Amino acid sequence: GTLLQNVACNGDPAMVHPMAGVRDALSALRGAGFAVG
């Protein structure tokens, strides 16, 4: 629901979809020297 779309008990990689804005957030944080988890 924050990093990935919320799929209950998901074990299928085909159902992995990033939430809107996540790529931009990760890029900005990595560029500023943050570890991300």
Full PDB file with SEQRES, HELIX, SHEET, SSBOND, CRYST1, ORIGX, SCALE, CONECT and MASTER records, all heavy atoms in Angstrom:
SEQRES   1 A   37  GLY THR LEU LEU GLN ASN VAL ALA CYS ASN GLY ASP PRO          
SEQRES   2 A   37  ALA MET VAL HIS PRO MET ALA GLY VAL ARG ASP ALA LEU          
SEQRES   3 A   37  SER ALA LEU ARG GLY ALA GLY PHE ALA VAL GLY                  
HELIX    1 AA1 PRO A   13  MET A   15  5                                   3    
HELIX    2 AA2 VAL A   22  GLY A   31  1                                  10    
CRYST1    1.000    1.000    1.000  90.00  90.00  90.00 P 1           1          
ORIGX1      1.000000  0.000000  0.000000        0.00000                         
ORIGX2      0.000000  1.000000  0.000000        0.00000                         
ORIGX3      0.000000  0.000000  1.000000        0.00000                         
SCALE1      1.000000  0.000000  0.000000        0.00000                         
SCALE2      0.000000  1.000000  0.000000        0.00000                         
SCALE3      0.000000  0.000000  1.000000        0.00000                         
ATOM      1  N   GLY A   1       0.797  -1.215   0.000  1.00  0.00           N  
ATOM      2  CA  GLY A   1       0.000   0.000   0.000  1.00  0.00           C  
ATOM      3  C   GLY A   1       0.830   1.266   0.000  1.00  0.00           C  
ATOM      4  O   GLY A   1       0.288   2.344  -0.250  1.00  0.00           O  
ATOM      5  N   THR A   2       2.130   1.168   0.279  1.00  0.00           N  
ATOM      6  CA  THR A   2       3.009   2.342   0.266  1.00  0.00           C  
ATOM      7  C   THR A   2       4.084   2.185  -0.798  1.00  0.00           C  
ATOM      8  O   THR A   2       4.191   3.007  -1.706  1.00  0.00           O  
ATOM      9  CB  THR A   2       3.666   2.559   1.644  1.00  0.00           C  
ATOM     10  OG1 THR A   2       2.649   2.714   2.637  1.00  0.00           O  
ATOM     11  CG2 THR A   2       4.547   3.805   1.626  1.00  0.00           C  
ATOM     12  N   LEU A   3       4.883   1.130  -0.716  1.00  0.00           N  
ATOM     13  CA  LEU A   3       5.890   0.861  -1.743  1.00  0.00           C  
ATOM     14  C   LEU A   3       5.266   0.131  -2.928  1.00  0.00           C  
ATOM     15  O   LEU A   3       5.490   0.492  -4.085  1.00  0.00           O  
ATOM     16  CB  LEU A   3       7.023   0.021  -1.165  1.00  0.00           C  
ATOM     17  CG  LEU A   3       8.218  -0.184  -2.102  1.00  0.00           C  
ATOM     18  CD1 LEU A   3       9.170   1.006  -2.010  1.00  0.00           C  
ATOM     19  CD2 LEU A   3       8.957  -1.487  -1.788  1.00  0.00           C  
ATOM     20  N   LEU A   4       4.477  -0.905  -2.627  1.00  0.00           N  
ATOM     21  CA  LEU A   4       3.848  -1.733  -3.653  1.00  0.00           C  
ATOM     22  C   LEU A   4       2.337  -1.722  -3.492  1.00  0.00           C  
ATOM     23  O   LEU A   4       1.823  -1.509  -2.386  1.00  0.00           O  
ATOM     24  CB  LEU A   4       4.344  -3.185  -3.540  1.00  0.00           C  
ATOM     25  CG  LEU A   4       5.859  -3.413  -3.566  1.00  0.00           C  
ATOM     26  CD1 LEU A   4       6.157  -4.883  -3.333  1.00  0.00           C  
ATOM     27  CD2 LEU A   4       6.457  -2.929  -4.878  1.00  0.00           C  
ATOM     28  N   GLN A   5       1.644  -1.976  -4.589  1.00  0.00           N  
ATOM     29  CA  GLN A   5       0.195  -2.119  -4.503  1.00  0.00           C  
ATOM     30  C   GLN A   5      -0.136  -3.268  -3.561  1.00  0.00           C  
ATOM     31  O   GLN A   5       0.548  -4.294  -3.539  1.00  0.00           O  
ATOM     32  CB  GLN A   5      -0.396  -2.373  -5.886  1.00  0.00           C  
ATOM     33  CG  GLN A   5      -0.289  -1.175  -6.815  1.00  0.00           C  
ATOM     34  CD  GLN A   5      -0.884  -1.441  -8.182  1.00  0.00           C  
ATOM     35  OE1 GLN A   5      -1.601  -2.417  -8.401  1.00  0.00           O  
ATOM     36  NE2 GLN A   5      -0.582  -0.579  -9.140  1.00  0.00           N  
ATOM     37  N   ASN A   6      -1.168  -3.078  -2.785  1.00  0.00           N  
ATOM     38  CA  ASN A   6      -1.512  -4.031  -1.724  1.00  0.00           C  
ATOM     39  C   ASN A   6      -2.249  -5.234  -2.307  1.00  0.00           C  
ATOM     40  O   ASN A   6      -3.395  -5.135  -2.737  1.00  0.00           O  
ATOM     41  CB  ASN A   6      -2.378  -3.343  -0.671  1.00  0.00           C  
ATOM     42  CG  ASN A   6      -2.539  -4.186   0.571  1.00  0.00           C  
ATOM     43  OD1 ASN A   6      -2.078  -5.324   0.636  1.00  0.00           O  
ATOM     44  ND2 ASN A   6      -3.185  -3.632   1.580  1.00  0.00           N  
ATOM     45  N   VAL A   7      -1.557  -6.360  -2.328  1.00  0.00           N  
ATOM     46  CA  VAL A   7      -2.153  -7.638  -2.733  1.00  0.00           C  
ATOM     47  C   VAL A   7      -2.001  -8.578  -1.543  1.00  0.00           C  
ATOM     48  O   VAL A   7      -0.881  -8.943  -1.171  1.00  0.00           O  
ATOM     49  CB  VAL A   7      -1.463  -8.230  -3.972  1.00  0.00           C  
ATOM     50  CG1 VAL A   7      -2.088  -9.572  -4.342  1.00  0.00           C  
ATOM     51  CG2 VAL A   7      -1.530  -7.247  -5.141  1.00  0.00           C  
ATOM     52  N   ALA A   8      -3.095  -8.967  -0.937  1.00  0.00           N  
ATOM     53  CA  ALA A   8      -3.037  -9.743   0.304  1.00  0.00           C  
ATOM     54  C   ALA A   8      -2.278 -11.045   0.116  1.00  0.00           C  
ATOM     55  O   ALA A   8      -2.510 -11.789  -0.841  1.00  0.00           O  
ATOM     56  CB  ALA A   8      -4.451 -10.024   0.813  1.00  0.00           C  
ATOM     57  N   CYS A   9      -1.336 -11.311   1.032  1.00  0.00           N  
ATOM     58  CA  CYS A   9      -0.580 -12.577   1.051  1.00  0.00           C  
ATOM     59  C   CYS A   9       0.031 -12.882  -0.309  1.00  0.00           C  
ATOM     60  O   CYS A   9       0.015 -14.021  -0.773  1.00  0.00           O  
ATOM     61  CB  CYS A   9      -1.465 -13.731   1.512  1.00  0.00           C  
ATOM     62  SG  CYS A   9      -2.174 -13.518   3.155  1.00  0.00           S  
ATOM     63  N   ASN A  10       0.591 -11.877  -0.950  1.00  0.00           N  
ATOM     64  CA  ASN A  10       1.089 -12.074  -2.304  1.00  0.00           C  
ATOM     65  C   ASN A  10       2.393 -12.865  -2.327  1.00  0.00           C  
ATOM     66  O   ASN A  10       3.369 -12.509  -1.667  1.00  0.00           O  
ATOM     67  CB  ASN A  10       1.320 -10.717  -2.984  1.00  0.00           C  
ATOM     68  CG  ASN A  10       1.756 -10.891  -4.426  1.00  0.00           C  
ATOM     69  OD1 ASN A  10       1.342 -11.846  -5.091  1.00  0.00           O  
ATOM     70  ND2 ASN A  10       2.589  -9.983  -4.912  1.00  0.00           N  
ATOM     71  N   GLY A  11       2.406 -13.934  -3.116  1.00  0.00           N  
ATOM     72  CA  GLY A  11       3.618 -14.686  -3.361  1.00  0.00           C  
ATOM     73  C   GLY A  11       3.937 -14.771  -4.841  1.00  0.00           C  
ATOM     74  O   GLY A  11       4.820 -15.530  -5.247  1.00  0.00           O  
ATOM     75  N   ASP A  12       3.236 -13.986  -5.654  1.00  0.00           N  
ATOM     76  CA  ASP A  12       3.361 -14.040  -7.106  1.00  0.00           C  
ATOM     77  C   ASP A  12       4.070 -12.791  -7.613  1.00  0.00           C  
ATOM     78  O   ASP A  12       3.533 -11.683  -7.523  1.00  0.00           O  
ATOM     79  CB  ASP A  12       1.977 -14.145  -7.729  1.00  0.00           C  
ATOM     80  CG  ASP A  12       2.001 -14.251  -9.247  1.00  0.00           C  
ATOM     81  OD1 ASP A  12       3.106 -14.216  -9.831  1.00  0.00           O  
ATOM     82  OD2 ASP A  12       0.918 -14.368  -9.845  1.00  0.00           O  
ATOM     83  N   PRO A  13       5.278 -12.914  -8.153  1.00  0.00           N  
ATOM     84  CA  PRO A  13       5.985 -11.716  -8.637  1.00  0.00           C  
ATOM     85  C   PRO A  13       5.254 -10.982  -9.755  1.00  0.00           C  
ATOM     86  O   PRO A  13       5.472  -9.787  -9.954  1.00  0.00           O  
ATOM     87  CB  PRO A  13       7.334 -12.278  -9.110  1.00  0.00           C  
ATOM     88  CG  PRO A  13       7.102 -13.733  -9.339  1.00  0.00           C  
ATOM     89  CD  PRO A  13       6.061 -14.144  -8.344  1.00  0.00           C  
ATOM     90  N   ALA A  14       4.388 -11.678 -10.485  1.00  0.00           N  
ATOM     91  CA  ALA A  14       3.633 -11.015 -11.539  1.00  0.00           C  
ATOM     92  C   ALA A  14       2.642 -10.008 -10.985  1.00  0.00           C  
ATOM     93  O   ALA A  14       2.155  -9.141 -11.725  1.00  0.00           O  
ATOM     94  CB  ALA A  14       2.907 -12.057 -12.392  1.00  0.00           C  
ATOM     95  N   MET A  15       2.333 -10.119  -9.697  1.00  0.00           N  
ATOM     96  CA  MET A  15       1.384  -9.202  -9.061  1.00  0.00           C  
ATOM     97  C   MET A  15       2.077  -8.041  -8.356  1.00  0.00           C  
ATOM     98  O   MET A  15       1.445  -7.287  -7.627  1.00  0.00           O  
ATOM     99  CB  MET A  15       0.534  -9.968  -8.051  1.00  0.00           C  
ATOM    100  CG  MET A  15      -0.307 -11.078  -8.651  1.00  0.00           C  
ATOM    101  SD  MET A  15      -1.589 -10.428  -9.751  1.00  0.00           S  
ATOM    102  CE  MET A  15      -2.684  -9.664  -8.544  1.00  0.00           C  
ATOM    103  N   VAL A  16       3.372  -7.897  -8.575  1.00  0.00           N  
ATOM    104  CA  VAL A  16       4.136  -6.825  -7.936  1.00  0.00           C  
ATOM    105  C   VAL A  16       4.085  -5.577  -8.814  1.00  0.00           C  
ATOM    106  O   VAL A  16       4.580  -5.592  -9.952  1.00  0.00           O  
ATOM    107  CB  VAL A  16       5.598  -7.255  -7.701  1.00  0.00           C  
ATOM    108  CG1 VAL A  16       6.425  -6.090  -7.179  1.00  0.00           C  
ATOM    109  CG2 VAL A  16       5.650  -8.431  -6.728  1.00  0.00           C  
ATOM    110  N   HIS A  17       3.488  -4.521  -8.285  1.00  0.00           N  
ATOM    111  CA  HIS A  17       3.382  -3.254  -9.007  1.00  0.00           C  
ATOM    112  C   HIS A  17       3.683  -2.111  -8.050  1.00  0.00           C  
ATOM    113  O   HIS A  17       3.040  -1.997  -6.999  1.00  0.00           O  
ATOM    114  CB  HIS A  17       1.986  -3.071  -9.597  1.00  0.00           C  
ATOM    115  CG  HIS A  17       1.566  -4.182 -10.521  1.00  0.00           C  
ATOM    116  ND1 HIS A  17       2.112  -4.353 -11.773  1.00  0.00           N  
ATOM    117  CD2 HIS A  17       0.668  -5.194 -10.351  1.00  0.00           C  
ATOM    118  CE1 HIS A  17       1.569  -5.403 -12.355  1.00  0.00           C  
ATOM    119  NE2 HIS A  17       0.691  -5.943 -11.509  1.00  0.00           N  
ATOM    120  N   PRO A  18       4.647  -1.242  -8.359  1.00  0.00           N  
ATOM    121  CA  PRO A  18       4.973  -0.124  -7.471  1.00  0.00           C  
ATOM    122  C   PRO A  18       3.831   0.881  -7.382  1.00  0.00           C  
ATOM    123  O   PRO A  18       3.075   1.072  -8.337  1.00  0.00           O  
ATOM    124  CB  PRO A  18       6.203   0.508  -8.124  1.00  0.00           C  
ATOM    125  CG  PRO A  18       6.751  -0.549  -9.034  1.00  0.00           C  
ATOM    126  CD  PRO A  18       5.567  -1.336  -9.505  1.00  0.00           C  
ATOM    127  N   MET A  19       3.726   1.526  -6.237  1.00  0.00           N  
ATOM    128  CA  MET A  19       2.765   2.599  -6.067  1.00  0.00           C  
ATOM    129  C   MET A  19       3.255   3.850  -6.796  1.00  0.00           C  
ATOM    130  O   MET A  19       4.456   4.028  -7.026  1.00  0.00           O  
ATOM    131  CB  MET A  19       2.582   2.913  -4.582  1.00  0.00           C  
ATOM    132  CG  MET A  19       1.957   1.776  -3.780  1.00  0.00           C  
ATOM    133  SD  MET A  19       0.233   1.435  -4.238  1.00  0.00           S  
ATOM    134  CE  MET A  19      -0.577   2.913  -3.621  1.00  0.00           C  
ATOM    135  N   ALA A  20       2.325   4.708  -7.159  1.00  0.00           N  
ATOM    136  CA  ALA A  20       2.671   5.949  -7.842  1.00  0.00           C  
ATOM    137  C   ALA A  20       3.598   6.790  -6.960  1.00  0.00           C  
ATOM    138  O   ALA A  20       3.369   6.927  -5.758  1.00  0.00           O  
ATOM    139  CB  ALA A  20       1.405   6.737  -8.165  1.00  0.00           C  
ATOM    140  N   GLY A  21       4.617   7.347  -7.570  1.00  0.00           N  
ATOM    141  CA  GLY A  21       5.530   8.234  -6.862  1.00  0.00           C  
ATOM    142  C   GLY A  21       6.686   7.548  -6.171  1.00  0.00           C  
ATOM    143  O   GLY A  21       7.608   8.218  -5.694  1.00  0.00           O  
ATOM    144  N   VAL A  22       6.678   6.213  -6.117  1.00  0.00           N  
ATOM    145  CA  VAL A  22       7.722   5.492  -5.389  1.00  0.00           C  
ATOM    146  C   VAL A  22       9.074   5.643  -6.079  1.00  0.00           C  
ATOM    147  O   VAL A  22      10.100   5.853  -5.417  1.00  0.00           O  
ATOM    148  CB  VAL A  22       7.346   4.010  -5.223  1.00  0.00           C  
ATOM    149  CG1 VAL A  22       8.551   3.181  -4.828  1.00  0.00           C  
ATOM    150  CG2 VAL A  22       6.258   3.871  -4.168  1.00  0.00           C  
ATOM    151  N   ARG A  23       9.112   5.529  -7.394  1.00  0.00           N  
ATOM    152  CA  ARG A  23      10.398   5.629  -8.091  1.00  0.00           C  
ATOM    153  C   ARG A  23      11.036   6.996  -7.857  1.00  0.00           C  
ATOM    154  O   ARG A  23      12.251   7.100  -7.612  1.00  0.00           O  
ATOM    155  CB  ARG A  23      10.211   5.373  -9.581  1.00  0.00           C  
ATOM    156  CG  ARG A  23       9.918   3.920  -9.933  1.00  0.00           C  
ATOM    157  CD  ARG A  23       9.909   3.723 -11.440  1.00  0.00           C  
ATOM    158  NE  ARG A  23       9.721   2.322 -11.809  1.00  0.00           N  
ATOM    159  CZ  ARG A  23       8.549   1.759 -12.010  1.00  0.00           C  
ATOM    160  NH1 ARG A  23       7.427   2.473 -11.867  1.00  0.00           N  
ATOM    161  NH2 ARG A  23       8.452   0.474 -12.338  1.00  0.00           N  
ATOM    162  N   ASP A  24      10.246   8.050  -7.929  1.00  0.00           N  
ATOM    163  CA  ASP A  24      10.777   9.392  -7.695  1.00  0.00           C  
ATOM    164  C   ASP A  24      11.276   9.528  -6.264  1.00  0.00           C  
ATOM    165  O   ASP A  24      12.324  10.143  -6.015  1.00  0.00           O  
ATOM    166  CB  ASP A  24       9.706  10.440  -7.967  1.00  0.00           C  
ATOM    167  CG  ASP A  24       9.384  10.584  -9.461  1.00  0.00           C  
ATOM    168  OD1 ASP A  24      10.211  10.143 -10.288  1.00  0.00           O  
ATOM    169  OD2 ASP A  24       8.310  11.125  -9.781  1.00  0.00           O  
ATOM    170  N   ALA A  25      10.533   8.971  -5.319  1.00  0.00           N  
ATOM    171  CA  ALA A  25      10.935   9.056  -3.911  1.00  0.00           C  
ATOM    172  C   ALA A  25      12.260   8.340  -3.685  1.00  0.00           C  
ATOM    173  O   ALA A  25      13.178   8.874  -3.045  1.00  0.00           O  
ATOM    174  CB  ALA A  25       9.850   8.464  -3.020  1.00  0.00           C  
ATOM    175  N   LEU A  26      12.391   7.131  -4.214  1.00  0.00           N  
ATOM    176  CA  LEU A  26      13.620   6.370  -4.028  1.00  0.00           C  
ATOM    177  C   LEU A  26      14.809   7.062  -4.680  1.00  0.00           C  
ATOM    178  O   LEU A  26      15.907   7.109  -4.108  1.00  0.00           O  
ATOM    179  CB  LEU A  26      13.450   4.964  -4.595  1.00  0.00           C  
ATOM    180  CG  LEU A  26      12.476   4.049  -3.856  1.00  0.00           C  
ATOM    181  CD1 LEU A  26      12.292   2.742  -4.626  1.00  0.00           C  
ATOM    182  CD2 LEU A  26      12.955   3.765  -2.440  1.00  0.00           C  
ATOM    183  N   SER A  27      14.603   7.603  -5.864  1.00  0.00           N  
ATOM    184  CA  SER A  27      15.683   8.291  -6.556  1.00  0.00           C  
ATOM    185  C   SER A  27      16.179   9.484  -5.748  1.00  0.00           C  
ATOM    186  O   SER A  27      17.397   9.698  -5.604  1.00  0.00           O  
ATOM    187  CB  SER A  27      15.210   8.742  -7.939  1.00  0.00           C  
ATOM    188  OG  SER A  27      16.215   9.473  -8.616  1.00  0.00           O  
ATOM    189  N   ALA A  28      15.239  10.271  -5.204  1.00  0.00           N  
ATOM    190  CA  ALA A  28      15.626  11.446  -4.428  1.00  0.00           C  
ATOM    191  C   ALA A  28      16.352  11.060  -3.146  1.00  0.00           C  
ATOM    192  O   ALA A  28      17.362  11.673  -2.775  1.00  0.00           O  
ATOM    193  CB  ALA A  28      14.380  12.275  -4.108  1.00  0.00           C  
ATOM    194  N   LEU A  29      15.856  10.044  -2.479  1.00  0.00           N  
ATOM    195  CA  LEU A  29      16.463   9.632  -1.205  1.00  0.00           C  
ATOM    196  C   LEU A  29      17.847   9.026  -1.412  1.00  0.00           C  
ATOM    197  O   LEU A  29      18.788   9.321  -0.665  1.00  0.00           O  
ATOM    198  CB  LEU A  29      15.542   8.646  -0.495  1.00  0.00           C  
ATOM    199  CG  LEU A  29      14.210   9.226  -0.017  1.00  0.00           C  
ATOM    200  CD1 LEU A  29      13.260   8.114   0.415  1.00  0.00           C  
ATOM    201  CD2 LEU A  29      14.433  10.220   1.123  1.00  0.00           C  
ATOM    202  N   ARG A  30      17.979   8.180  -2.419  1.00  0.00           N  
ATOM    203  CA  ARG A  30      19.298   7.602  -2.705  1.00  0.00           C  
ATOM    204  C   ARG A  30      20.290   8.695  -3.082  1.00  0.00           C  
ATOM    205  O   ARG A  30      21.456   8.663  -2.665  1.00  0.00           O  
ATOM    206  CB  ARG A  30      19.178   6.580  -3.831  1.00  0.00           C  
ATOM    207  CG  ARG A  30      18.463   5.289  -3.442  1.00  0.00           C  
ATOM    208  CD  ARG A  30      18.171   4.451  -4.670  1.00  0.00           C  
ATOM    209  NE  ARG A  30      17.512   3.180  -4.348  1.00  0.00           N  
ATOM    210  CZ  ARG A  30      16.617   2.590  -5.122  1.00  0.00           C  
ATOM    211  NH1 ARG A  30      16.248   3.151  -6.271  1.00  0.00           N  
ATOM    212  NH2 ARG A  30      16.071   1.435  -4.758  1.00  0.00           N  
ATOM    213  N   GLY A  31      19.831   9.659  -3.868  1.00  0.00           N  
ATOM    214  CA  GLY A  31      20.714  10.738  -4.275  1.00  0.00           C  
ATOM    215  C   GLY A  31      21.184  11.580  -3.111  1.00  0.00           C  
ATOM    216  O   GLY A  31      22.249  12.204  -3.182  1.00  0.00           O  
ATOM    217  N   ALA A  32      20.411  11.623  -2.041  1.00  0.00           N  
ATOM    218  CA  ALA A  32      20.766  12.394  -0.856  1.00  0.00           C  
ATOM    219  C   ALA A  32      21.558  11.568   0.155  1.00  0.00           C  
ATOM    220  O   ALA A  32      21.840  12.041   1.252  1.00  0.00           O  
ATOM    221  CB  ALA A  32      19.500  12.946  -0.199  1.00  0.00           C  
ATOM    222  N   GLY A  33      21.895  10.332  -0.187  1.00  0.00           N  
ATOM    223  CA  GLY A  33      22.725   9.527   0.687  1.00  0.00           C  
ATOM    224  C   GLY A  33      21.997   8.694   1.709  1.00  0.00           C  
ATOM    225  O   GLY A  33      22.618   8.173   2.639  1.00  0.00           O  
ATOM    226  N   PHE A  34      20.679   8.538   1.553  1.00  0.00           N  
ATOM    227  CA  PHE A  34      19.910   7.727   2.490  1.00  0.00           C  
ATOM    228  C   PHE A  34      19.946   6.252   2.111  1.00  0.00           C  
ATOM    229  O   PHE A  34      19.869   5.910   0.928  1.00  0.00           O  
ATOM    230  CB  PHE A  34      18.441   8.172   2.527  1.00  0.00           C  
ATOM    231  CG  PHE A  34      18.191   9.405   3.322  1.00  0.00           C  
ATOM    232  CD1 PHE A  34      18.287  10.655   2.733  1.00  0.00           C  
ATOM    233  CD2 PHE A  34      17.847   9.327   4.664  1.00  0.00           C  
ATOM    234  CE1 PHE A  34      18.050  11.809   3.463  1.00  0.00           C  
ATOM    235  CE2 PHE A  34      17.608  10.466   5.400  1.00  0.00           C  
ATOM    236  CZ  PHE A  34      17.717  11.714   4.802  1.00  0.00           C  
ATOM    237  N   ALA A  35      20.041   5.392   3.098  1.00  0.00           N  
ATOM    238  CA  ALA A  35      19.725   3.981   2.889  1.00  0.00           C  
ATOM    239  C   ALA A  35      18.205   3.862   2.823  1.00  0.00           C  
ATOM    240  O   ALA A  35      17.479   4.630   3.468  1.00  0.00           O  
ATOM    241  CB  ALA A  35      20.269   3.137   4.032  1.00  0.00           C  
ATOM    242  N   VAL A  36      17.721   2.908   2.037  1.00  0.00           N  
ATOM    243  CA  VAL A  36      16.276   2.708   1.925  1.00  0.00           C  
ATOM    244  C   VAL A  36      15.948   1.260   2.277  1.00  0.00           C  
ATOM    245  O   VAL A  36      16.666   0.330   1.914  1.00  0.00           O  
ATOM    246  CB  VAL A  36      15.743   3.063   0.520  1.00  0.00           C  
ATOM    247  CG1 VAL A  36      15.878   4.555   0.259  1.00  0.00           C  
ATOM    248  CG2 VAL A  36      16.469   2.275  -0.564  1.00  0.00           C  
ATOM    249  N   GLY A  37      14.874   1.092   3.013  1.00  0.00           N  
ATOM    250  CA  GLY A  37      14.451  -0.233   3.428  1.00  0.00           C  
ATOM    251  C   GLY A  37      12.951  -0.371   3.399  1.00  0.00           C  
ATOM    252  O   GLY A  37      12.217   0.591   3.118  1.00  0.00           O  
TER     253      GLY A  37                                                      
MASTER        0    0    0    2    0    0    0    6  252    1    0    3          
END                                                                             
